[in-house]
PDB file of N, CA and C in Angstrom:
ATOM      1  N   MET A   1      19.345  26.059 -12.434  1.00  0.00           N
ATOM      2  CA  MET A   1      19.805  25.179 -11.390  1.00  0.00           C
ATOM      3  C   MET A   1      19.275  23.777 -11.676  1.00  0.00           C
ATOM      4  N   ALA A   2      20.110  22.817 -11.430  1.00  0.00           N
ATOM      5  CA  ALA A   2      19.721  21.422 -11.638  1.00  0.00           C
ATOM      6  C   ALA A   2      20.125  20.613 -10.418  1.00  0.00           C
ATOM      7  N   GLU A   3      19.225  19.774  -9.996  1.00  0.00           N
ATOM      8  CA  GLU A   3      19.518  18.898  -8.862  1.00  0.00           C
ATOM      9  C   GLU A   3      20.419  17.758  -9.329  1.00  0.00           C
ATOM     10  N   LEU A   4      21.430  17.470  -8.543  1.00  0.00           N
ATOM     11  CA  LEU A   4      22.310  16.341  -8.861  1.00  0.00           C
ATOM     12  C   LEU A   4      21.671  15.075  -8.304  1.00  0.00           C
ATOM     13  N   ASN A   5      20.746  14.524  -9.062  1.00  0.00           N
ATOM     14  CA  ASN A   5      20.035  13.327  -8.608  1.00  0.00           C
ATOM     15  C   ASN A   5      20.931  12.091  -8.779  1.00  0.00           C
ATOM     16  N   PRO A   6      20.523  10.966  -8.228  1.00  0.00           N
ATOM     17  CA  PRO A   6      21.365   9.759  -8.312  1.00  0.00           C
ATOM     18  C   PRO A   6      21.708   9.342  -9.743  1.00  0.00           C
ATOM     19  N   SER A   7      20.795   9.557 -10.676  1.00  0.00           N
ATOM     20  CA  SER A   7      21.060   9.208 -12.072  1.00  0.00           C
ATOM     21  C   SER A   7      22.212  10.038 -12.633  1.00  0.00           C
ATOM     22  N   VAL A   8      22.190  11.329 -12.367  1.00  0.00           N
ATOM     23  CA  VAL A   8      23.253  12.212 -12.853  1.00  0.00           C
ATOM     24  C   VAL A   8      24.573  11.861 -12.180  1.00  0.00           C
ATOM     25  N   LEU A   9      24.537  11.657 -10.884  1.00  0.00           N
ATOM     26  CA  LEU A   9      25.775  11.347 -10.162  1.00  0.00           C
ATOM     27  C   LEU A   9      26.395  10.036 -10.628  1.00  0.00           C
ATOM     28  N   SER A  10      25.573   9.017 -10.847  1.00  0.00           N
ATOM     29  CA  SER A  10      26.141   7.744 -11.303  1.00  0.00           C
ATOM     30  C   SER A  10      26.684   7.870 -12.717  1.00  0.00           C
ATOM     31  N   SER A  11      26.020   8.658 -13.549  1.00  0.00           N
ATOM     32  CA  SER A  11      26.509   8.887 -14.911  1.00  0.00           C
ATOM     33  C   SER A  11      27.841   9.633 -14.902  1.00  0.00           C
ATOM     34  N   ALA A  12      27.993  10.572 -13.984  1.00  0.00           N
ATOM     35  CA  ALA A  12      29.245  11.339 -13.898  1.00  0.00           C
ATOM     36  C   ALA A  12      30.420  10.456 -13.493  1.00  0.00           C
ATOM     37  N   LEU A  13      30.139   9.347 -12.842  1.00  0.00           N
ATOM     38  CA  LEU A  13      31.206   8.429 -12.423  1.00  0.00           C
ATOM     39  C   LEU A  13      31.627   7.459 -13.523  1.00  0.00           C
ATOM     40  N   GLU A  14      30.828   7.369 -14.575  1.00  0.00           N
ATOM     41  CA  GLU A  14      31.147   6.468 -15.682  1.00  0.00           C
ATOM     42  C   GLU A  14      32.200   7.106 -16.586  1.00  0.00           C
ATOM     43  N   PRO A  15      32.971   6.274 -17.296  1.00  0.00           N
ATOM     44  CA  PRO A  15      33.965   6.840 -18.215  1.00  0.00           C
ATOM     45  C   PRO A  15      33.306   7.639 -19.344  1.00  0.00           C
ATOM     46  N   PHE A  16      33.957   8.690 -19.758  1.00  0.00           N
ATOM     47  CA  PHE A  16      33.514   9.508 -20.880  1.00  0.00           C
ATOM     48  C   PHE A  16      34.396   9.207 -22.075  1.00  0.00           C
ATOM     49  N   PRO A  17      33.934   9.543 -23.290  1.00  0.00           N
ATOM     50  CA  PRO A  17      34.742   9.252 -24.480  1.00  0.00           C
ATOM     51  C   PRO A  17      36.101   9.960 -24.482  1.00  0.00           C
ATOM     52  N   VAL A  18      36.194  11.068 -23.766  1.00  0.00           N
ATOM     53  CA  VAL A  18      37.465  11.791 -23.612  1.00  0.00           C
ATOM     54  C   VAL A  18      37.665  12.064 -22.124  1.00  0.00           C
ATOM     55  N   ALA A  19      38.906  12.304 -21.733  1.00  0.00           N
ATOM     56  CA  ALA A  19      39.189  12.573 -20.322  1.00  0.00           C
ATOM     57  C   ALA A  19      38.542  13.892 -19.904  1.00  0.00           C
ATOM     58  N   VAL A  20      37.847  13.871 -18.772  1.00  0.00           N
ATOM     59  CA  VAL A  20      37.217  15.077 -18.239  1.00  0.00           C
ATOM     60  C   VAL A  20      37.559  15.224 -16.760  1.00  0.00           C
ATOM     61  N   ARG A  21      37.505  16.449 -16.307  1.00  0.00           N
ATOM     62  CA  ARG A  21      37.718  16.726 -14.890  1.00  0.00           C
ATOM     63  C   ARG A  21      36.400  16.514 -14.152  1.00  0.00           C
ATOM     64  N   THR A  22      36.455  16.519 -12.839  1.00  0.00           N
ATOM     65  CA  THR A  22      35.289  16.212 -12.020  1.00  0.00           C
ATOM     66  C   THR A  22      34.110  17.130 -12.322  1.00  0.00           C
ATOM     67  N   LEU A  23      34.317  18.428 -12.295  1.00  0.00           N
ATOM     68  CA  LEU A  23      33.226  19.360 -12.537  1.00  0.00           C
ATOM     69  C   LEU A  23      32.706  19.230 -13.971  1.00  0.00           C
ATOM     70  N   ASP A  24      33.606  18.986 -14.919  1.00  0.00           N
ATOM     71  CA  ASP A  24      33.179  18.769 -16.305  1.00  0.00           C
ATOM     72  C   ASP A  24      32.301  17.522 -16.410  1.00  0.00           C
ATOM     73  N   ALA A  25      32.651  16.472 -15.693  1.00  0.00           N
ATOM     74  CA  ALA A  25      31.848  15.242 -15.698  1.00  0.00           C
ATOM     75  C   ALA A  25      30.451  15.529 -15.173  1.00  0.00           C
ATOM     76  N   LEU A  26      30.346  16.333 -14.135  1.00  0.00           N
ATOM     77  CA  LEU A  26      29.028  16.687 -13.604  1.00  0.00           C
ATOM     78  C   LEU A  26      28.229  17.504 -14.622  1.00  0.00           C
ATOM     79  N   HIS A  27      28.899  18.435 -15.302  1.00  0.00           N
ATOM     80  CA  HIS A  27      28.215  19.223 -16.337  1.00  0.00           C
ATOM     81  C   HIS A  27      27.739  18.328 -17.477  1.00  0.00           C
ATOM     82  N   MET A  28      28.605  17.464 -17.968  1.00  0.00           N
ATOM     83  CA  MET A  28      28.244  16.594 -19.083  1.00  0.00           C
ATOM     84  C   MET A  28      27.133  15.616 -18.696  1.00  0.00           C
ATOM     85  N   ALA A  29      27.230  15.049 -17.505  1.00  0.00           N
ATOM     86  CA  ALA A  29      26.200  14.117 -17.047  1.00  0.00           C
ATOM     87  C   ALA A  29      24.853  14.828 -16.892  1.00  0.00           C
ATOM     88  N   THR A  30      24.876  16.057 -16.413  1.00  0.00           N
ATOM     89  CA  THR A  30      23.639  16.823 -16.268  1.00  0.00           C
ATOM     90  C   THR A  30      23.047  17.138 -17.638  1.00  0.00           C
ATOM     91  N   MET A  31      23.890  17.538 -18.580  1.00  0.00           N
ATOM     92  CA  MET A  31      23.386  17.818 -19.927  1.00  0.00           C
ATOM     93  C   MET A  31      22.815  16.561 -20.569  1.00  0.00           C
ATOM     94  N   ASN A  32      23.486  15.430 -20.402  1.00  0.00           N
ATOM     95  CA  ASN A  32      22.969  14.174 -20.954  1.00  0.00           C
ATOM     96  C   ASN A  32      21.637  13.790 -20.318  1.00  0.00           C
ATOM     97  N   TYR A  33      21.503  14.043 -19.029  1.00  0.00           N
ATOM     98  CA  TYR A  33      20.245  13.737 -18.334  1.00  0.00           C
ATOM     99  C   TYR A  33      19.096  14.541 -18.949  1.00  0.00           C
ATOM    100  N   PHE A  34      19.291  15.843 -19.111  1.00  0.00           N
ATOM    101  CA  PHE A  34      18.238  16.673 -19.682  1.00  0.00           C
ATOM    102  C   PHE A  34      17.964  16.316 -21.144  1.00  0.00           C
ATOM    103  N   ARG A  35      19.001  15.977 -21.865  1.00  0.00           N
ATOM    104  CA  ARG A  35      18.807  15.561 -23.258  1.00  0.00           C
ATOM    105  C   ARG A  35      18.011  14.266 -23.328  1.00  0.00           C
ATOM    106  N   SER A  36      18.234  13.352 -22.376  1.00  0.00           N
ATOM    107  CA  SER A  36      17.477  12.094 -22.372  1.00  0.00           C
ATOM    108  C   SER A  36      15.997  12.328 -22.089  1.00  0.00           C
ATOM    109  N   LYS A  37      15.684  13.469 -21.497  1.00  0.00           N
ATOM    110  CA  LYS A  37      14.293  13.848 -21.211  1.00  0.00           C
ATOM    111  C   LYS A  37      13.679  14.633 -22.366  1.00  0.00           C
ATOM    112  N   GLY A  38      14.445  14.833 -23.452  1.00  0.00           N
ATOM    113  CA  GLY A  38      13.929  15.512 -24.626  1.00  0.00           C
ATOM    114  C   GLY A  38      14.274  16.986 -24.724  1.00  0.00           C
ATOM    115  N   ASP A  39      15.013  17.508 -23.752  1.00  0.00           N
ATOM    116  CA  ASP A  39      15.408  18.917 -23.801  1.00  0.00           C
ATOM    117  C   ASP A  39      16.519  19.116 -24.828  1.00  0.00           C
ATOM    118  N   GLU A  40      16.449  20.223 -25.549  1.00  0.00           N
ATOM    119  CA  GLU A  40      17.510  20.586 -26.487  1.00  0.00           C
ATOM    120  C   GLU A  40      18.432  21.578 -25.798  1.00  0.00           C
ATOM    121  N   LEU A  41      19.708  21.233 -25.719  1.00  0.00           N
ATOM    122  CA  LEU A  41      20.689  22.064 -25.026  1.00  0.00           C
ATOM    123  C   LEU A  41      21.853  22.371 -25.951  1.00  0.00           C
ATOM    124  N   THR A  42      22.451  23.519 -25.733  1.00  0.00           N
ATOM    125  CA  THR A  42      23.665  23.915 -26.434  1.00  0.00           C
ATOM    126  C   THR A  42      24.660  24.384 -25.383  1.00  0.00           C
ATOM    127  N   LEU A  43      25.885  23.918 -25.494  1.00  0.00           N
ATOM    128  CA  LEU A  43      26.927  24.305 -24.538  1.00  0.00           C
ATOM    129  C   LEU A  43      27.625  25.571 -25.003  1.00  0.00           C
ATOM    130  N   ALA A  44      27.776  26.517 -24.103  1.00  0.00           N
ATOM    131  CA  ALA A  44      28.546  27.733 -24.358  1.00  0.00           C
ATOM    132  C   ALA A  44      29.735  27.725 -23.407  1.00  0.00           C
ATOM    133  N   SER A  45      30.932  27.529 -23.957  1.00  0.00           N
ATOM    134  CA  SER A  45      32.125  27.443 -23.117  1.00  0.00           C
ATOM    135  C   SER A  45      33.360  27.847 -23.912  1.00  0.00           C
ATOM    136  N   TYR A  46      34.301  28.477 -23.225  1.00  0.00           N
ATOM    137  CA  TYR A  46      35.607  28.770 -23.814  1.00  0.00           C
ATOM    138  C   TYR A  46      36.624  27.696 -23.448  1.00  0.00           C
ATOM    139  N   ASP A  47      36.230  26.711 -22.658  1.00  0.00           N
ATOM    140  CA  ASP A  47      37.117  25.660 -22.181  1.00  0.00           C
ATOM    141  C   ASP A  47      37.252  24.579 -23.256  1.00  0.00           C
ATOM    142  N   ASN A  48      38.434  24.466 -23.845  1.00  0.00           N
ATOM    143  CA  ASN A  48      38.640  23.501 -24.928  1.00  0.00           C
ATOM    144  C   ASN A  48      38.398  22.064 -24.497  1.00  0.00           C
ATOM    145  N   ARG A  49      38.796  21.724 -23.291  1.00  0.00           N
ATOM    146  CA  ARG A  49      38.615  20.356 -22.814  1.00  0.00           C
ATOM    147  C   ARG A  49      37.123  20.027 -22.685  1.00  0.00           C
ATOM    148  N   LEU A  50      36.356  20.972 -22.156  1.00  0.00           N
ATOM    149  CA  LEU A  50      34.913  20.775 -22.016  1.00  0.00           C
ATOM    150  C   LEU A  50      34.252  20.727 -23.399  1.00  0.00           C
ATOM    151  N   ASN A  51      34.687  21.568 -24.306  1.00  0.00           N
ATOM    152  CA  ASN A  51      34.148  21.545 -25.670  1.00  0.00           C
ATOM    153  C   ASN A  51      34.449  20.219 -26.361  1.00  0.00           C
ATOM    154  N   ASP A  52      35.639  19.679 -26.162  1.00  0.00           N
ATOM    155  CA  ASP A  52      35.986  18.375 -26.741  1.00  0.00           C
ATOM    156  C   ASP A  52      35.067  17.281 -26.211  1.00  0.00           C
ATOM    157  N   ALA A  53      34.791  17.324 -24.920  1.00  0.00           N
ATOM    158  CA  ALA A  53      33.891  16.338 -24.320  1.00  0.00           C
ATOM    159  C   ALA A  53      32.489  16.476 -24.905  1.00  0.00           C
ATOM    160  N   ALA A  54      32.026  17.705 -25.071  1.00  0.00           N
ATOM    161  CA  ALA A  54      30.695  17.932 -25.647  1.00  0.00           C
ATOM    162  C   ALA A  54      30.629  17.394 -27.075  1.00  0.00           C
ATOM    163  N   ARG A  55      31.647  17.660 -27.862  1.00  0.00           N
ATOM    164  CA  ARG A  55      31.675  17.149 -29.238  1.00  0.00           C
ATOM    165  C   ARG A  55      31.619  15.626 -29.248  1.00  0.00           C
ATOM    166  N   ALA A  56      32.370  14.994 -28.358  1.00  0.00           N
ATOM    167  CA  ALA A  56      32.404  13.529 -28.292  1.00  0.00           C
ATOM    168  C   ALA A  56      31.038  12.953 -27.922  1.00  0.00           C
ATOM    169  N   LEU A  57      30.227  13.736 -27.213  1.00  0.00           N
ATOM    170  CA  LEU A  57      28.885  13.291 -26.809  1.00  0.00           C
ATOM    171  C   LEU A  57      27.797  13.850 -27.717  1.00  0.00           C
ATOM    172  N   ASP A  58      28.195  14.460 -28.837  1.00  0.00           N
ATOM    173  CA  ASP A  58      27.257  15.053 -29.795  1.00  0.00           C
ATOM    174  C   ASP A  58      26.379  16.136 -29.186  1.00  0.00           C
ATOM    175  N   ILE A  59      26.945  16.883 -28.253  1.00  0.00           N
ATOM    176  CA  ILE A  59      26.255  18.032 -27.671  1.00  0.00           C
ATOM    177  C   ILE A  59      26.646  19.245 -28.505  1.00  0.00           C
ATOM    178  N   PRO A  60      25.669  19.965 -29.052  1.00  0.00           N
ATOM    179  CA  PRO A  60      26.018  21.119 -29.876  1.00  0.00           C
ATOM    180  C   PRO A  60      26.678  22.229 -29.070  1.00  0.00           C
ATOM    181  N   LEU A  61      27.590  22.935 -29.746  1.00  0.00           N
ATOM    182  CA  LEU A  61      28.307  24.044 -29.114  1.00  0.00           C
ATOM    183  C   LEU A  61      27.779  25.358 -29.670  1.00  0.00           C
ATOM    184  N   TYR A  62      27.654  26.322 -28.790  1.00  0.00           N
ATOM    185  CA  TYR A  62      27.264  27.659 -29.194  1.00  0.00           C
ATOM    186  C   TYR A  62      28.458  28.339 -29.839  1.00  0.00           C
ATOM    187  N   GLY A  63      28.282  28.875 -31.020  1.00  0.00           N
ATOM    188  CA  GLY A  63      29.384  29.535 -31.727  1.00  0.00           C
ATOM    189  C   GLY A  63      29.602  30.948 -31.250  1.00  0.00           C
ATOM    190  N   PHE A  64      30.828  31.240 -30.874  1.00  0.00           N
ATOM    191  CA  PHE A  64      31.156  32.586 -30.404  1.00  0.00           C
ATOM    192  C   PHE A  64      31.651  33.406 -31.556  1.00  0.00           C
TER     193      PHE A  64
END
């Protein structure tokens, strides 16, 4: 669980390198927040649009 703090929420409102849906923006902004704190994260998703956004932000994808 992650708190949607003001930093994450404002980041989710900023444009992303690729078009994302609202919930995807919250996921990406949350992952970027934790990465900025030094956490290593990998995204596991079957959603192509979300995977494209992760690639554009250099977030590693878990290989299925």
